[in-house]
Amino acid sequence: MEKVVVGMSGGVDSAVAALLLKKSGYDVVGVTLRTWQSDEDYANRCCDIDDARSTAHRIGIDYYPVNCTSDFQRFVVEPFKNSYVRGLTPNPCIECNRYVKWEKLLYYSKVVGAKYIATGHYASVVKLDNGRYTVKQAEHAEKDQTYMLWKLTQDQLESTLMPLGSLSKTEVREIAKEAGLPVASKPDSQEICFVTNGSYADYIESAESDGDTEGYFIDTQGNILGRHRGIIHYTVGQRKGIGLALGYPVYVKEIRAETNEVVLCGEQSLYGKEIICSDVNFMSIPGLKTEEELACSVKIRYRHQAQPAIIAAANDGSVKITFSSPVRAATPGQSAVFYDSENRIIGGGVITKICDA
C-alpha cells in the first residue's frame, strides 16, 4: 500500500478525502496543521484538532497534529496586514496553500515515508502530455477551489492527490453521514481563519499603527468629497460602509496609500479591459516568451465567472491581461487566474495595476 498524508482541518471535506483514500487501499495518515492560536486561546477555523482527531479515530487511521504557527505568521499573517496597509486586498488562503500547507505536509510526508499528500479541495490534479502538472476545475463549479491553488509548484503538484474533484458538496456530506463521521453536518468555514473576532479591519487596526489614519475621499478629478476612517477599511468596488451622503451612489475605485486617499467614482468607472499581474506562476506551460500572447479565460476573484482574454508576457516577468469585454472592479492584491479551454489552470498572478479602469 502507498502511504499518503492527508491534511485534515477538522471539516467534512478533508475527512471524506481521508476516508475515500483509505477505501481505495492507501495507507492513510491524518495530519492537522496548527496554523494559528488567537490571543483569547481560540483555535482557528482551519485547524480544529479535536474534530480532526475524532474523525481519524472513526476512520481508523493514524493521526498527528503539527505546529506551524511561526511559518503561518511569517508567510500569511504579516503579508496580509502589510498588504492592507499598502492599500491592497490580499488572498491569505493562496499564500497559506503555497507556503505553509503544502510545504509542511510535504515535509511531514518525508518524515513518515509517504509518497503522497492529499487535501479536501474541490479540484483535480492532472498530468499533461508535456509532462507538467496542473489543476483542473471541479466538476461541480459551485464548489470549485482552483482559484486558491494557482501558486502551487510542479514539485508540490507531483506529490498531491485531490479525491473530491468529481464530487458535489451534497455527495460529500452523504458519504460522511453513511460512514458515521462526526463532522458530517459541520458547517463550512466562510471567514478569514485567523480573524476570530470582529472584521479584518478591526484585526489590522489592533495590530498595526499604520493604515488606520483618517484621510480624504476624492473623486477622479481630485476634488475632496469628505474624510475616510483609514484605508484599511476599504477595497475596490466597495459601496456599503463609505459613509458619505452625496445624493448618488459612489464606489471605491482606487486606494492611494502613498497619499492616504480613497478615490470614489460611479459604477461605470469601475469597468476596465486591461490589468497587469506580477508574481506570476505558470502551471500547464513553462511560461511565455516576452511579448508572446495566449488566448485563455481569466478569473479576477474567487466568485468571478472566468472571462475570455488574451495574456501577454512583458520583459520584466509581468503579464498584461486584455479582456474581450470590460470586467468590474479588478482589485490590486487579488489574484488573476488563467484557464485553458478544458478548465485547467495555465497560471496566475497578483493584480498590481488597472490600466484603464
Protein backbone atom coordinates (compact mmCIF):
# COMPACT_ATOMS: atom_id res chain seq x y z
CA MET A 1 0.00 0.00 0.00
CA GLU A 2 1.23 3.50 -0.85
CA LYS A 3 1.28 5.82 2.14
CA VAL A 4 -0.42 9.23 1.92
CA VAL A 5 -0.53 12.12 4.40
CA VAL A 6 -3.92 13.82 4.40
CA GLY A 7 -4.25 17.39 5.65
CA MET A 8 -7.24 17.25 7.99
CA SER A 9 -8.72 20.60 9.00
CA GLY A 10 -11.45 19.14 11.19
CA GLY A 11 -14.07 19.75 8.49
CA VAL A 12 -16.12 17.35 6.41
CA ASP A 13 -14.21 17.76 3.12
CA SER A 14 -10.81 16.65 4.37
CA ALA A 15 -12.47 13.92 6.45
CA VAL A 16 -14.10 12.41 3.36
CA ALA A 17 -10.86 12.76 1.40
CA ALA A 18 -9.12 10.64 4.05
CA LEU A 19 -11.98 8.13 4.08
CA LEU A 20 -12.02 7.71 0.29
CA LEU A 21 -8.27 7.23 0.11
CA LYS A 22 -8.37 4.57 2.79
CA LYS A 23 -11.18 2.77 0.96
CA SER A 24 -9.03 2.91 -2.20
CA GLY A 25 -6.27 1.00 -0.46
CA TYR A 26 -3.90 3.73 0.65
CA ASP A 27 -2.11 3.67 4.00
CA VAL A 28 -3.52 6.97 5.30
CA VAL A 29 -2.02 9.23 7.95
CA GLY A 30 -4.07 12.21 9.10
CA VAL A 31 -2.27 15.47 9.94
CA THR A 32 -3.70 18.74 11.23
CA LEU A 33 -1.54 21.80 10.79
CA ARG A 34 -1.87 24.07 13.80
CA THR A 35 -1.51 27.37 11.99
CA TRP A 36 -2.95 29.87 14.42
CA GLN A 37 -3.77 30.48 18.07
CA SER A 38 -5.62 33.66 18.96
CA ASP A 39 -4.84 35.84 21.96
CA GLU A 40 -8.08 34.58 23.52
CA ASP A 41 -6.79 30.97 23.12
CA TYR A 42 -9.38 30.09 20.46
CA ALA A 43 -8.32 27.62 17.82
CA ASN A 44 -8.88 28.94 14.32
CA ARG A 45 -11.41 27.67 11.81
CA CYS A 46 -8.79 25.87 9.72
CA CYS A 47 -7.31 23.57 12.34
CA ASP A 48 -9.92 22.03 14.63
CA ILE A 49 -7.74 19.37 16.21
CA ASP A 50 -10.45 17.80 18.37
CA ASP A 51 -12.78 17.19 15.41
CA ALA A 52 -9.94 16.01 13.19
CA ARG A 53 -8.68 13.57 15.84
CA SER A 54 -12.13 12.09 16.48
CA THR A 55 -12.71 11.75 12.72
CA ALA A 56 -9.38 9.99 12.22
CA HIS A 57 -10.24 7.61 15.05
CA ARG A 58 -13.58 6.83 13.42
CA ILE A 59 -11.94 6.17 10.05
CA GLY A 60 -9.25 4.07 11.70
CA ILE A 61 -6.10 5.92 10.65
CA ASP A 62 -3.06 7.28 12.46
CA TYR A 63 -3.32 10.95 13.34
CA TYR A 64 -0.89 13.70 14.37
CA PRO A 65 -1.21 17.45 14.96
CA VAL A 66 1.74 19.51 13.70
CA ASN A 67 2.59 23.01 14.91
CA CYS A 68 3.42 25.54 12.19
CA THR A 69 2.27 28.79 13.80
CA SER A 70 5.58 30.60 13.17
CA ASP A 71 5.51 29.87 9.44
CA PHE A 72 1.86 30.91 9.28
CA GLN A 73 2.69 34.20 10.97
CA ARG A 74 5.61 34.80 8.61
CA PHE A 75 4.06 33.81 5.28
CA VAL A 76 0.38 34.63 5.81
CA VAL A 77 -0.47 36.97 8.69
CA GLU A 78 2.31 39.53 8.28
CA PRO A 79 1.92 39.84 4.49
CA PHE A 80 -1.85 40.11 4.98
CA LYS A 81 -1.51 43.05 7.35
CA ASN A 82 1.18 44.73 5.26
CA SER A 83 -0.91 44.43 2.09
CA TYR A 84 -3.90 46.22 3.58
CA VAL A 85 -1.69 48.99 4.93
CA ARG A 86 -0.39 49.44 1.37
CA GLY A 87 -3.94 49.74 0.02
CA LEU A 88 -4.12 46.21 -1.39
CA THR A 89 -6.71 43.45 -0.91
CA PRO A 90 -4.82 40.15 -0.43
CA ASN A 91 -5.82 36.48 -0.65
CA PRO A 92 -4.36 34.89 2.52
CA CYS A 93 -5.56 31.37 1.64
CA ILE A 94 -3.48 31.40 -1.56
CA GLU A 95 -0.33 32.25 0.37
CA CYS A 96 -1.14 29.68 3.04
CA ASN A 97 -1.61 26.92 0.48
CA ARG A 98 1.67 27.65 -1.26
CA TYR A 99 4.00 28.43 1.61
CA VAL A 100 2.50 26.69 4.66
CA LYS A 101 0.07 23.83 3.99
CA TRP A 102 1.82 22.17 1.08
CA GLU A 103 5.32 22.77 2.40
CA LYS A 104 4.51 21.36 5.84
CA LEU A 105 2.53 18.40 4.52
CA LEU A 106 5.32 17.50 2.09
CA TYR A 107 7.91 17.80 4.85
CA TYR A 108 5.90 15.56 7.12
CA SER A 109 5.30 13.07 4.30
CA LYS A 110 9.06 12.61 4.06
CA VAL A 111 9.28 12.12 7.82
CA VAL A 112 6.77 9.25 7.77
CA GLY A 113 7.84 7.84 4.40
CA ALA A 114 4.70 8.76 2.46
CA LYS A 115 4.73 9.07 -1.32
CA TYR A 116 1.81 11.47 -1.49
CA ILE A 117 -0.04 14.20 0.33
CA ALA A 118 -3.77 14.84 -0.11
CA THR A 119 -6.30 17.56 0.65
CA GLY A 120 -10.05 18.00 0.61
CA HIS A 121 -10.06 20.70 -2.08
CA TYR A 122 -12.70 20.55 -4.78
CA ALA A 123 -10.30 20.25 -7.73
CA SER A 124 -8.23 17.61 -9.54
CA VAL A 125 -4.51 17.31 -10.21
CA VAL A 126 -3.78 16.47 -13.86
CA LYS A 127 -0.54 15.42 -15.55
CA LEU A 128 -0.41 16.76 -19.11
CA ASP A 129 1.19 15.30 -22.23
CA ASN A 130 4.04 17.81 -21.90
CA GLY A 131 4.95 16.25 -18.55
CA ARG A 132 3.77 19.20 -16.46
CA TYR A 133 1.18 19.12 -13.71
CA THR A 134 -1.77 21.43 -13.38
CA VAL A 135 -5.06 21.71 -11.50
CA LYS A 136 -8.42 21.21 -13.18
CA GLN A 137 -11.66 22.79 -12.01
CA ALA A 138 -14.08 20.66 -10.02
CA GLU A 139 -16.90 19.02 -11.95
CA HIS A 140 -19.38 20.92 -9.79
CA ALA A 141 -18.47 24.54 -10.48
CA GLU A 142 -20.23 25.97 -7.42
CA LYS A 143 -17.59 24.40 -5.14
CA ASP A 144 -14.54 24.76 -7.40
CA GLN A 145 -11.46 25.84 -5.42
CA THR A 146 -8.80 26.01 -8.13
CA TYR A 147 -8.60 29.80 -7.81
CA MET A 148 -6.90 29.34 -4.43
CA LEU A 149 -4.33 26.88 -5.80
CA TRP A 150 -2.63 28.74 -8.66
CA LYS A 151 0.63 29.31 -6.78
CA LEU A 152 1.43 25.64 -6.24
CA THR A 153 4.68 24.45 -7.80
CA GLN A 154 5.35 21.47 -10.05
CA ASP A 155 7.12 19.63 -7.23
CA GLN A 156 4.14 20.19 -4.94
CA LEU A 157 1.58 19.06 -7.51
CA GLU A 158 3.54 15.95 -8.48
CA SER A 159 3.02 14.55 -4.97
CA THR A 160 -0.58 15.71 -4.47
CA LEU A 161 -3.88 13.83 -4.55
CA MET A 162 -7.29 15.56 -4.52
CA PRO A 163 -10.04 12.92 -4.23
CA LEU A 164 -13.04 15.30 -4.23
CA GLY A 165 -12.73 16.78 -7.72
CA SER A 166 -15.70 14.87 -9.14
CA LEU A 167 -18.00 15.16 -6.12
CA SER A 168 -20.61 17.70 -5.07
CA LYS A 169 -20.86 19.02 -1.53
CA THR A 170 -24.11 17.10 -1.09
CA GLU A 171 -22.41 13.87 -2.10
CA VAL A 172 -19.52 14.54 0.28
CA ARG A 173 -21.86 15.09 3.21
CA GLU A 174 -23.80 11.94 2.33
CA ILE A 175 -20.60 9.87 2.26
CA ALA A 176 -19.63 11.27 5.66
CA LYS A 177 -23.10 10.58 7.06
CA GLU A 178 -23.14 6.99 5.83
CA ALA A 179 -19.70 6.41 7.40
CA GLY A 180 -20.84 7.88 10.71
CA LEU A 181 -18.22 10.64 10.67
CA PRO A 182 -18.80 13.15 13.49
CA VAL A 183 -18.29 16.14 11.15
CA ALA A 184 -20.89 15.09 8.55
CA SER A 185 -23.14 18.08 9.28
CA LYS A 186 -20.47 20.55 10.37
CA PRO A 187 -20.97 23.98 8.70
CA ASP A 188 -18.39 25.27 6.24
CA SER A 189 -16.00 27.99 7.37
CA GLN A 190 -16.60 31.23 5.48
CA GLU A 191 -14.32 33.72 7.19
CA ILE A 192 -10.61 34.50 7.39
CA CYS A 193 -9.37 31.79 9.72
CA PHE A 194 -7.17 33.96 11.95
CA VAL A 195 -9.67 36.79 12.39
CA THR A 196 -11.65 35.25 15.23
CA ASN A 197 -13.42 38.39 16.44
CA GLY A 198 -14.70 41.42 14.52
CA SER A 199 -13.78 42.35 10.95
CA TYR A 200 -10.45 42.09 9.17
CA ALA A 201 -10.09 45.88 9.51
CA ASP A 202 -10.61 45.63 13.29
CA TYR A 203 -7.93 42.96 13.40
CA ILE A 204 -5.42 45.03 11.43
CA GLU A 205 -6.26 48.17 13.39
CA SER A 206 -5.49 46.38 16.65
CA ALA A 207 -2.19 45.04 15.30
CA GLU A 208 -0.89 47.94 13.20
CA SER A 209 -0.43 51.65 13.81
CA ASP A 210 -0.37 52.40 10.06
CA GLY A 211 -3.32 52.28 7.69
CA ASP A 212 -5.99 53.44 10.14
CA THR A 213 -5.22 57.17 9.88
CA GLU A 214 -8.05 59.35 8.63
CA GLY A 215 -7.65 60.89 5.19
CA TYR A 216 -9.66 62.24 2.28
CA PHE A 217 -12.17 60.75 -0.11
CA ILE A 218 -11.62 62.33 -3.52
CA ASP A 219 -13.28 61.96 -6.92
CA THR A 220 -11.47 61.04 -10.13
CA GLN A 221 -10.67 64.72 -10.75
CA GLY A 222 -9.05 65.10 -7.34
CA ASN A 223 -11.88 67.04 -5.68
CA ILE A 224 -12.26 66.38 -1.94
CA LEU A 225 -15.57 64.70 -1.09
CA GLY A 226 -15.12 64.07 2.62
CA ARG A 227 -12.98 62.20 5.15
CA HIS A 228 -12.40 58.45 5.42
CA ARG A 229 -11.61 56.32 8.51
CA GLY A 230 -8.36 54.85 7.22
CA ILE A 231 -7.52 52.98 4.02
CA ILE A 232 -7.63 49.53 5.66
CA HIS A 233 -11.43 49.86 5.86
CA TYR A 234 -11.90 49.95 2.08
CA THR A 235 -11.47 47.82 -1.01
CA VAL A 236 -12.00 48.46 -4.72
CA GLY A 237 -15.64 48.11 -5.76
CA GLN A 238 -16.99 48.73 -2.25
CA ARG A 239 -20.22 50.72 -1.88
CA LYS A 240 -21.53 49.95 1.61
CA GLY A 241 -19.79 51.47 4.62
CA ILE A 242 -18.39 54.51 2.82
CA GLY A 243 -20.48 56.84 4.97
CA LEU A 244 -20.93 59.75 2.57
CA ALA A 245 -24.32 61.28 1.73
CA LEU A 246 -23.75 62.65 -1.76
CA GLY A 247 -27.22 62.09 -3.15
CA TYR A 248 -25.98 59.45 -5.60
CA PRO A 249 -24.24 56.08 -5.23
CA VAL A 250 -20.45 56.01 -5.20
CA TYR A 251 -17.94 53.16 -5.18
CA VAL A 252 -14.29 52.79 -4.25
CA LYS A 253 -12.27 52.99 -7.46
CA GLU A 254 -8.72 53.22 -6.13
CA ILE A 255 -6.81 53.30 -2.85
CA ARG A 256 -3.74 55.55 -2.80
CA ALA A 257 -1.71 54.52 0.22
CA GLU A 258 1.11 56.95 -0.52
CA THR A 259 -1.23 59.96 -0.13
CA ASN A 260 -3.77 58.28 2.20
CA GLU A 261 -6.59 58.96 -0.29
CA VAL A 262 -9.55 56.84 -1.36
CA VAL A 263 -10.82 57.61 -4.87
CA LEU A 264 -14.59 57.32 -5.40
CA CYS A 265 -16.49 57.01 -8.66
CA GLY A 266 -19.77 55.98 -10.27
CA GLU A 267 -20.28 52.30 -11.04
CA GLN A 268 -19.47 52.60 -14.74
CA SER A 269 -15.95 53.81 -13.92
CA LEU A 270 -15.23 50.50 -12.15
CA TYR A 271 -15.07 48.68 -15.51
CA GLY A 272 -11.88 48.18 -17.49
CA LYS A 273 -10.37 45.84 -20.07
CA GLU A 274 -6.67 45.72 -19.16
CA ILE A 275 -4.81 44.75 -15.99
CA ILE A 276 -1.20 43.95 -15.12
CA CYS A 277 -0.13 40.99 -12.95
CA SER A 278 3.16 40.33 -11.21
CA ASP A 279 4.46 37.40 -9.12
CA VAL A 280 3.32 35.12 -11.96
CA ASN A 281 3.36 31.33 -11.62
CA PHE A 282 2.75 29.09 -14.63
CA MET A 283 1.41 25.56 -14.24
CA SER A 284 0.43 23.91 -17.51
CA ILE A 285 3.19 25.62 -19.50
CA PRO A 286 6.75 26.60 -18.57
CA GLY A 287 5.96 30.24 -19.28
CA LEU A 288 5.57 32.80 -22.06
CA LYS A 289 8.31 34.48 -24.06
CA THR A 290 8.46 38.27 -23.99
CA GLU A 291 5.52 39.70 -25.96
CA GLU A 292 4.15 36.20 -26.62
CA GLU A 293 0.36 36.12 -26.40
CA LEU A 294 -2.05 33.37 -25.38
CA ALA A 295 -5.84 33.20 -25.54
CA CYS A 296 -7.49 31.92 -22.38
CA SER A 297 -10.16 32.66 -19.77
CA VAL A 298 -9.34 34.65 -16.64
CA LYS A 299 -10.90 34.91 -13.19
CA ILE A 300 -10.13 38.06 -11.19
CA ARG A 301 -11.70 36.96 -7.91
CA TYR A 302 -12.88 33.73 -6.29
CA ARG A 303 -16.57 34.08 -7.23
CA HIS A 304 -15.90 35.69 -10.62
CA GLN A 305 -17.03 33.91 -13.78
CA ALA A 306 -13.92 33.48 -15.92
CA GLN A 307 -13.93 35.81 -18.94
CA PRO A 308 -12.24 35.45 -22.35
CA ALA A 309 -8.93 37.30 -22.51
CA ILE A 310 -5.50 37.50 -24.09
CA ILE A 311 -2.47 37.30 -21.81
CA ALA A 312 0.87 38.70 -22.95
CA ALA A 313 4.26 38.48 -21.23
CA ALA A 314 6.39 41.57 -20.61
CA ASN A 315 10.18 41.63 -20.32
CA ASP A 316 10.00 42.28 -16.56
CA GLY A 317 8.19 39.00 -15.89
CA SER A 318 4.76 40.57 -15.53
CA VAL A 319 1.73 39.65 -17.62
CA LYS A 320 -0.76 42.00 -19.24
CA ILE A 321 -4.34 40.73 -19.47
CA THR A 322 -6.65 42.18 -22.09
CA PHE A 323 -10.27 41.10 -21.70
CA SER A 324 -12.63 40.82 -24.65
CA SER A 325 -15.21 42.77 -22.61
CA PRO A 326 -14.70 45.10 -19.64
CA VAL A 327 -14.60 43.47 -16.19
CA ARG A 328 -15.86 45.07 -13.00
CA ALA A 329 -13.68 46.16 -10.09
CA ALA A 330 -10.40 44.37 -10.74
CA THR A 331 -8.65 44.80 -7.40
CA PRO A 332 -4.90 45.24 -6.73
CA GLY A 333 -3.71 42.50 -4.37
CA GLN A 334 -6.28 39.98 -5.58
CA SER A 335 -5.28 37.19 -7.96
CA ALA A 336 -5.96 36.71 -11.66
CA VAL A 337 -6.01 33.03 -12.65
CA PHE A 338 -5.70 31.89 -16.28
CA TYR A 339 -7.59 28.81 -17.54
CA ASP A 340 -7.46 26.86 -20.81
CA SER A 341 -10.47 25.59 -22.76
CA GLU A 342 -10.62 22.44 -20.62
CA ASN A 343 -10.86 24.40 -17.33
CA ARG A 344 -7.27 23.66 -16.35
CA ILE A 345 -5.02 26.29 -14.80
CA ILE A 346 -2.46 27.77 -17.17
CA GLY A 347 -1.10 30.03 -14.44
CA GLY A 348 -1.88 33.05 -12.36
CA GLY A 349 -0.55 36.27 -10.89
CA VAL A 350 -1.23 39.04 -8.40
CA ILE A 351 -3.07 42.06 -9.81
CA THR A 352 -0.83 45.11 -9.48
CA LYS A 353 -2.24 47.67 -11.89
CA ILE A 354 -5.54 48.54 -13.56
CA CYS A 355 -4.67 50.08 -16.92
CA ASP A 356 -7.91 51.76 -17.97
CA ALA A 357 -10.48 51.30 -15.21
